[in-house]
């Protein structure tokens, strides 16, 4: 067995043990993502992380080395968090317990990777390793205020569009009043699902297409405001069609299933911004071979 294979077997064993011990929070998290819109994005995290690590695997193989100290520290912290969640189970809400246990499981995977493949290899795949933290469901204590902000932001952006097009509009919290119609931007209309999906998509695209950290941060930082603006456009469009064309638009397919249309619109905007920023980085058409590596290969 080669040295690389030994490291891979060691990681596979640690990963299998973590799944044996922590399978329940993983199953509960996936069940949550299938049941509630605000957690749908979780289904994307694991396959995307695995794919990104696979893309970097070829150069990573030459960097593999054990890092027992750092890996053991991360594993110990993961065990401590898991034990704390179990010890405080009587006093913690169930969603907080799930978040803690899932965080411990993901941290154990990262710790196992660092232990078996070393710091250099881990730095090369730092983004997909950290991206795994997206598997941790956000507790309702923190999620509810986020949804409330998205509701207000969507209401405000729709208000701006009504005013810009000369439609008389009054706003009271998440209520919008226009001639012939009173709209309430409810919890379900907050765009939490599309905002989460857009944020995840933008993070991955920025990582793949951009080099500069500030350019990546700029695109990712704009993802949520653009999603809020997109939701305001959706509210405005449905309201105008419902009051000016056909009331059926207020309860029809565009209202319930038309989110994908507006999601594509904002995604096109993200791609356009990425294209502009990528041009500013002067990416080479083809990477030049490393002379040292070429000589080594020739030997």
Protein backbone atom coordinates (compact mmCIF):
# COMPACT_ATOMS: atom_id res chain seq x y z
CA UNK A 1 0.00 0.00 0.00
CA UNK A 2 1.37 3.40 -0.97
CA UNK A 3 1.82 6.22 1.51
CA UNK A 4 -1.03 8.19 -0.07
CA UNK A 5 -3.31 5.16 0.14
CA UNK A 6 -2.49 4.79 3.85
CA UNK A 7 -3.56 8.39 4.46
CA UNK A 8 -6.74 7.84 2.48
CA UNK A 9 -7.59 4.69 4.43
CA UNK A 10 -6.96 6.50 7.70
CA UNK A 11 -9.27 9.33 6.68
CA UNK A 12 -11.93 6.88 5.50
CA UNK A 13 -11.83 5.09 8.86
CA UNK A 14 -12.14 8.34 10.83
CA UNK A 15 -14.96 9.48 8.58
CA UNK A 16 -16.77 6.15 9.01
CA UNK A 17 -16.44 6.38 12.80
CA UNK A 18 -17.84 9.93 12.75
CA UNK A 19 -20.83 8.76 10.71
CA UNK A 20 -21.38 5.81 13.03
CA UNK A 21 -21.46 8.12 16.03
CA UNK A 22 -23.12 11.16 14.42
CA UNK A 23 -25.52 9.70 11.87
CA UNK A 24 -28.59 10.97 13.72
CA UNK A 25 -27.92 14.73 13.45
CA UNK A 26 -26.99 14.25 9.78
CA UNK A 27 -30.28 12.47 9.05
CA UNK A 28 -32.25 15.05 11.05
CA UNK A 29 -30.56 17.90 9.16
CA UNK A 30 -31.38 16.44 5.75
CA UNK A 31 -34.97 15.82 6.89
CA UNK A 32 -35.15 19.48 7.96
CA UNK A 33 -33.87 20.63 4.57
CA UNK A 34 -36.53 18.58 2.78
CA UNK A 35 -39.32 19.91 5.00
CA UNK A 36 -38.61 23.64 5.31
CA UNK A 37 -37.72 26.16 2.59
CA UNK A 38 -35.23 28.05 4.75
CA UNK A 39 -32.99 24.97 4.92
CA UNK A 40 -33.24 23.73 1.31
CA UNK A 41 -29.75 25.01 0.45
CA UNK A 42 -28.25 22.43 2.84
CA UNK A 43 -28.86 19.75 0.22
CA UNK A 44 -26.27 21.44 -2.03
CA UNK A 45 -23.43 21.75 0.47
CA UNK A 46 -22.05 18.22 0.68
CA UNK A 47 -21.97 17.39 -3.07
CA UNK A 48 -20.49 20.81 -3.92
CA UNK A 49 -17.76 20.48 -1.27
CA UNK A 50 -16.91 16.97 -2.44
CA UNK A 51 -16.76 18.12 -6.08
CA UNK A 52 -14.47 21.06 -5.26
CA UNK A 53 -12.10 18.83 -3.28
CA UNK A 54 -12.08 16.33 -6.16
CA UNK A 55 -11.13 19.12 -8.60
CA UNK A 56 -8.10 19.96 -6.45
CA UNK A 57 -7.16 16.37 -5.64
CA UNK A 58 -4.45 15.90 -8.28
CA UNK A 59 -2.09 18.66 -7.03
CA UNK A 60 -3.13 17.89 -3.45
CA UNK A 61 -1.70 14.35 -3.59
CA UNK A 62 1.88 15.64 -3.60
CA UNK A 63 1.33 17.62 -0.38
CA UNK A 64 -0.05 14.85 1.81
CA UNK A 65 1.52 14.52 5.24
CA UNK A 66 0.24 13.85 8.74
CA UNK A 67 -0.57 16.74 11.04
CA UNK A 68 -1.46 14.98 14.25
CA UNK A 69 -1.34 18.08 16.45
CA UNK A 70 -3.75 20.33 14.54
CA UNK A 71 -6.02 17.47 13.51
CA UNK A 72 -6.24 16.11 17.06
CA UNK A 73 -7.09 19.56 18.44
CA UNK A 74 -9.97 19.94 15.98
CA UNK A 75 -11.22 16.43 16.75
CA UNK A 76 -11.03 17.10 20.49
CA UNK A 77 -13.03 20.33 20.10
CA UNK A 78 -15.63 18.44 18.04
CA UNK A 79 -15.98 15.80 20.77
CA UNK A 80 -16.25 18.51 23.44
CA UNK A 81 -19.03 20.30 21.53
CA UNK A 82 -20.93 17.05 20.96
CA UNK A 83 -20.66 16.12 24.65
CA UNK A 84 -21.81 19.62 25.65
CA UNK A 85 -24.89 19.30 23.43
CA UNK A 86 -25.73 15.99 25.08
CA UNK A 87 -25.02 17.28 28.57
CA UNK A 88 -27.21 20.37 28.13
CA UNK A 89 -29.95 18.58 26.22
CA UNK A 90 -32.50 19.24 28.97
CA UNK A 91 -31.98 23.02 28.89
CA UNK A 92 -31.33 23.65 25.18
CA UNK A 93 -34.01 23.96 22.47
CA UNK A 94 -34.03 21.03 20.06
CA UNK A 95 -32.91 23.16 17.09
CA UNK A 96 -29.92 24.51 19.04
CA UNK A 97 -28.97 20.95 20.02
CA UNK A 98 -29.14 19.90 16.37
CA UNK A 99 -26.95 22.85 15.32
CA UNK A 100 -24.33 22.02 17.95
CA UNK A 101 -24.28 18.32 17.10
CA UNK A 102 -24.09 19.02 13.36
CA UNK A 103 -21.31 21.56 13.91
CA UNK A 104 -19.40 18.95 15.92
CA UNK A 105 -19.84 16.38 13.13
CA UNK A 106 -18.62 18.77 10.41
CA UNK A 107 -15.70 19.89 12.58
CA UNK A 108 -14.72 16.24 13.09
CA UNK A 109 -14.62 15.79 9.29
CA UNK A 110 -12.38 18.84 8.93
CA UNK A 111 -10.19 17.64 11.79
CA UNK A 112 -9.87 14.19 10.23
CA UNK A 113 -8.86 15.75 6.92
CA UNK A 114 -6.22 17.95 8.54
CA UNK A 115 -4.87 15.03 10.58
CA UNK A 116 -4.61 12.63 7.64
CA UNK A 117 -3.59 14.99 4.82
CA UNK A 118 -1.79 17.81 6.62
CA UNK A 119 -1.89 21.60 6.72
CA UNK A 120 -0.58 22.27 3.18
CA UNK A 121 -3.22 20.09 1.56
CA UNK A 122 -5.90 21.54 3.83
CA UNK A 123 -4.98 25.10 2.86
CA UNK A 124 -5.35 24.16 -0.81
CA UNK A 125 -8.95 23.05 -0.19
CA UNK A 126 -9.71 25.52 2.59
CA UNK A 127 -12.82 26.85 0.84
CA UNK A 128 -14.60 23.50 0.35
CA UNK A 129 -13.65 22.44 3.89
CA UNK A 130 -15.10 25.63 5.37
CA UNK A 131 -18.03 25.40 2.95
CA UNK A 132 -19.05 22.22 4.79
CA UNK A 133 -20.09 24.44 7.70
CA UNK A 134 -23.10 25.29 5.55
CA UNK A 135 -24.46 21.90 6.62
CA UNK A 136 -25.07 23.33 10.10
CA UNK A 137 -28.72 24.45 10.33
CA UNK A 138 -29.19 27.95 11.74
CA UNK A 139 -31.35 27.88 14.92
CA UNK A 140 -34.68 29.70 14.82
CA UNK A 141 -33.36 32.14 17.42
CA UNK A 142 -31.10 33.62 14.72
CA UNK A 143 -33.11 32.66 11.64
CA UNK A 144 -36.32 34.48 12.56
CA UNK A 145 -34.69 37.96 12.73
CA UNK A 146 -33.01 37.27 9.36
CA UNK A 147 -36.37 36.37 7.81
CA UNK A 148 -37.94 39.49 9.34
CA UNK A 149 -35.21 41.65 7.76
CA UNK A 150 -35.76 39.97 4.39
CA UNK A 151 -39.50 40.65 4.67
CA UNK A 152 -38.89 44.33 5.40
CA UNK A 153 -36.27 44.60 2.66
CA UNK A 154 -38.57 42.99 0.10
CA UNK A 155 -41.44 45.29 1.15
CA UNK A 156 -39.23 48.36 0.88
CA UNK A 157 -37.83 47.40 -2.55
CA UNK A 158 -41.35 46.79 -3.87
CA UNK A 159 -42.40 50.14 -2.40
CA UNK A 160 -39.57 51.85 -4.30
CA UNK A 161 -40.67 50.23 -7.57
CA UNK A 162 -44.31 51.26 -7.10
CA UNK A 163 -43.24 54.83 -6.36
CA UNK A 164 -40.82 54.87 -9.31
CA UNK A 165 -43.62 53.88 -11.71
CA UNK A 166 -46.04 56.44 -10.30
CA UNK A 167 -48.29 53.98 -8.46
CA UNK A 168 -49.76 55.47 -5.25
CA UNK A 169 -48.46 53.29 -2.41
CA UNK A 170 -48.49 53.31 1.37
CA UNK A 171 -46.42 51.04 3.58
CA UNK A 172 -47.12 49.83 7.10
CA UNK A 173 -44.43 47.38 8.18
CA UNK A 174 -44.73 44.46 5.78
CA UNK A 175 -48.04 45.73 4.37
CA UNK A 176 -48.23 47.55 1.04
CA UNK A 177 -51.40 49.36 0.03
CA UNK A 178 -51.96 50.32 -3.60
CA UNK A 179 -55.21 51.20 -5.39
CA UNK A 180 -57.39 48.11 -5.40
CA UNK A 181 -55.01 45.88 -3.47
CA UNK A 182 -53.45 45.38 -0.04
CA UNK A 183 -50.33 43.20 -0.02
CA UNK A 184 -48.71 41.48 2.93
CA UNK A 185 -45.17 40.19 2.52
CA UNK A 186 -45.59 37.08 4.66
CA UNK A 187 -42.96 34.74 6.11
CA UNK A 188 -43.32 32.51 3.05
CA UNK A 189 -42.71 35.50 0.76
CA UNK A 190 -39.51 36.63 2.48
CA UNK A 191 -37.31 35.02 -0.22
CA UNK A 192 -35.27 33.16 2.42
CA UNK A 193 -35.07 30.09 0.20
CA UNK A 194 -33.95 31.88 -2.96
CA UNK A 195 -31.62 34.14 -0.95
CA UNK A 196 -29.91 31.11 0.60
CA UNK A 197 -29.64 29.34 -2.74
CA UNK A 198 -28.31 32.47 -4.44
CA UNK A 199 -25.75 33.02 -1.67
CA UNK A 200 -24.49 29.44 -1.96
CA UNK A 201 -24.36 29.65 -5.77
CA UNK A 202 -22.56 32.99 -5.71
CA UNK A 203 -19.96 31.76 -3.20
CA UNK A 204 -19.10 28.79 -5.40
CA UNK A 205 -18.99 30.82 -8.62
CA UNK A 206 -16.81 33.50 -7.00
CA UNK A 207 -14.42 30.83 -5.73
CA UNK A 208 -14.15 29.18 -9.15
CA UNK A 209 -13.99 32.28 -11.33
CA UNK A 210 -12.20 34.93 -9.27
CA UNK A 211 -8.80 35.18 -7.61
CA UNK A 212 -8.87 38.43 -5.68
CA UNK A 213 -10.32 38.12 -2.14
CA UNK A 214 -11.91 41.58 -2.32
CA UNK A 215 -13.59 40.78 -5.63
CA UNK A 216 -14.96 37.56 -4.16
CA UNK A 217 -16.18 39.43 -1.08
CA UNK A 218 -17.82 42.08 -3.28
CA UNK A 219 -19.83 39.56 -5.31
CA UNK A 220 -20.84 37.52 -2.26
CA UNK A 221 -21.78 40.67 -0.35
CA UNK A 222 -24.08 41.76 -3.18
CA UNK A 223 -25.88 38.40 -3.40
CA UNK A 224 -28.40 38.98 -0.62
CA UNK A 225 -29.26 42.62 -1.52
CA UNK A 226 -29.78 41.52 -5.13
CA UNK A 227 -32.02 38.70 -3.93
CA UNK A 228 -34.06 41.16 -1.87
CA UNK A 229 -34.36 43.47 -4.89
CA UNK A 230 -35.39 40.47 -6.98
CA UNK A 231 -38.16 39.65 -4.49
CA UNK A 232 -39.35 43.25 -4.58
CA UNK A 233 -39.50 43.02 -8.38
CA UNK A 234 -41.52 39.82 -8.10
CA UNK A 235 -44.01 41.45 -5.70
CA UNK A 236 -44.28 44.51 -7.92
CA UNK A 237 -44.77 42.47 -11.11
CA UNK A 238 -47.46 40.18 -9.65
CA UNK A 239 -49.30 43.11 -8.07
CA UNK A 240 -49.29 45.14 -11.29
CA UNK A 241 -50.44 42.18 -13.39
CA UNK A 242 -53.10 41.34 -10.83
CA UNK A 243 -54.52 44.87 -10.69
CA UNK A 244 -54.01 45.96 -14.31
CA UNK A 245 -54.38 42.75 -16.34
CA UNK A 246 -56.03 39.82 -14.56
CA UNK A 247 -56.70 39.21 -10.83
CA UNK A 248 -55.81 35.58 -11.45
CA UNK A 249 -52.12 36.52 -11.39
CA UNK A 250 -52.42 37.17 -7.64
CA UNK A 251 -53.07 33.49 -6.93
CA UNK A 252 -51.84 31.82 -10.12
CA UNK A 253 -48.70 29.97 -11.15
CA UNK A 254 -46.57 33.12 -11.33
CA UNK A 255 -47.28 33.75 -7.66
CA UNK A 256 -46.63 30.20 -6.45
CA UNK A 257 -44.11 28.85 -8.98
CA UNK A 258 -42.70 31.91 -10.73
CA UNK A 259 -39.80 32.38 -8.34
CA UNK A 260 -37.45 30.54 -10.68
CA UNK A 261 -38.02 33.20 -13.38
CA UNK A 262 -36.87 36.01 -11.10
CA UNK A 263 -34.07 33.85 -9.69
CA UNK A 264 -32.70 33.41 -13.23
CA UNK A 265 -32.89 37.18 -13.76
CA UNK A 266 -30.74 37.94 -10.72
CA UNK A 267 -28.41 35.04 -11.53
CA UNK A 268 -27.76 36.59 -14.95
CA UNK A 269 -26.84 39.80 -13.13
CA UNK A 270 -24.40 37.87 -10.92
CA UNK A 271 -22.79 36.27 -13.98
CA UNK A 272 -22.45 39.69 -15.61
CA UNK A 273 -20.74 41.08 -12.50
CA UNK A 274 -18.43 38.06 -12.33
CA UNK A 275 -17.52 38.51 -16.00
CA UNK A 276 -16.63 42.17 -15.44
CA UNK A 277 -14.55 41.45 -12.35
CA UNK A 278 -12.84 38.47 -13.95
CA UNK A 279 -11.76 40.59 -16.92
CA UNK A 280 -10.10 42.98 -14.49
CA UNK A 281 -7.96 40.16 -13.12
CA UNK A 282 -6.31 39.38 -16.50
CA UNK A 283 -6.59 35.61 -16.25
CA UNK A 284 -4.12 33.82 -18.54
CA UNK A 285 -5.59 31.78 -21.33
CA UNK A 286 -3.46 28.83 -20.37
CA UNK A 287 -1.34 28.30 -17.29
CA UNK A 288 2.37 27.97 -17.94
CA UNK A 289 4.05 24.76 -16.70
CA UNK A 290 6.30 25.05 -13.69
CA UNK A 291 9.93 24.62 -14.91
CA UNK A 292 10.93 22.81 -11.71
CA UNK A 293 8.09 20.35 -12.01
CA UNK A 294 8.83 19.87 -15.72
CA UNK A 295 12.46 19.03 -14.98
CA UNK A 296 11.43 16.67 -12.22
CA UNK A 297 9.00 14.95 -14.58
CA UNK A 298 11.76 14.63 -17.17
CA UNK A 299 14.06 12.98 -14.65
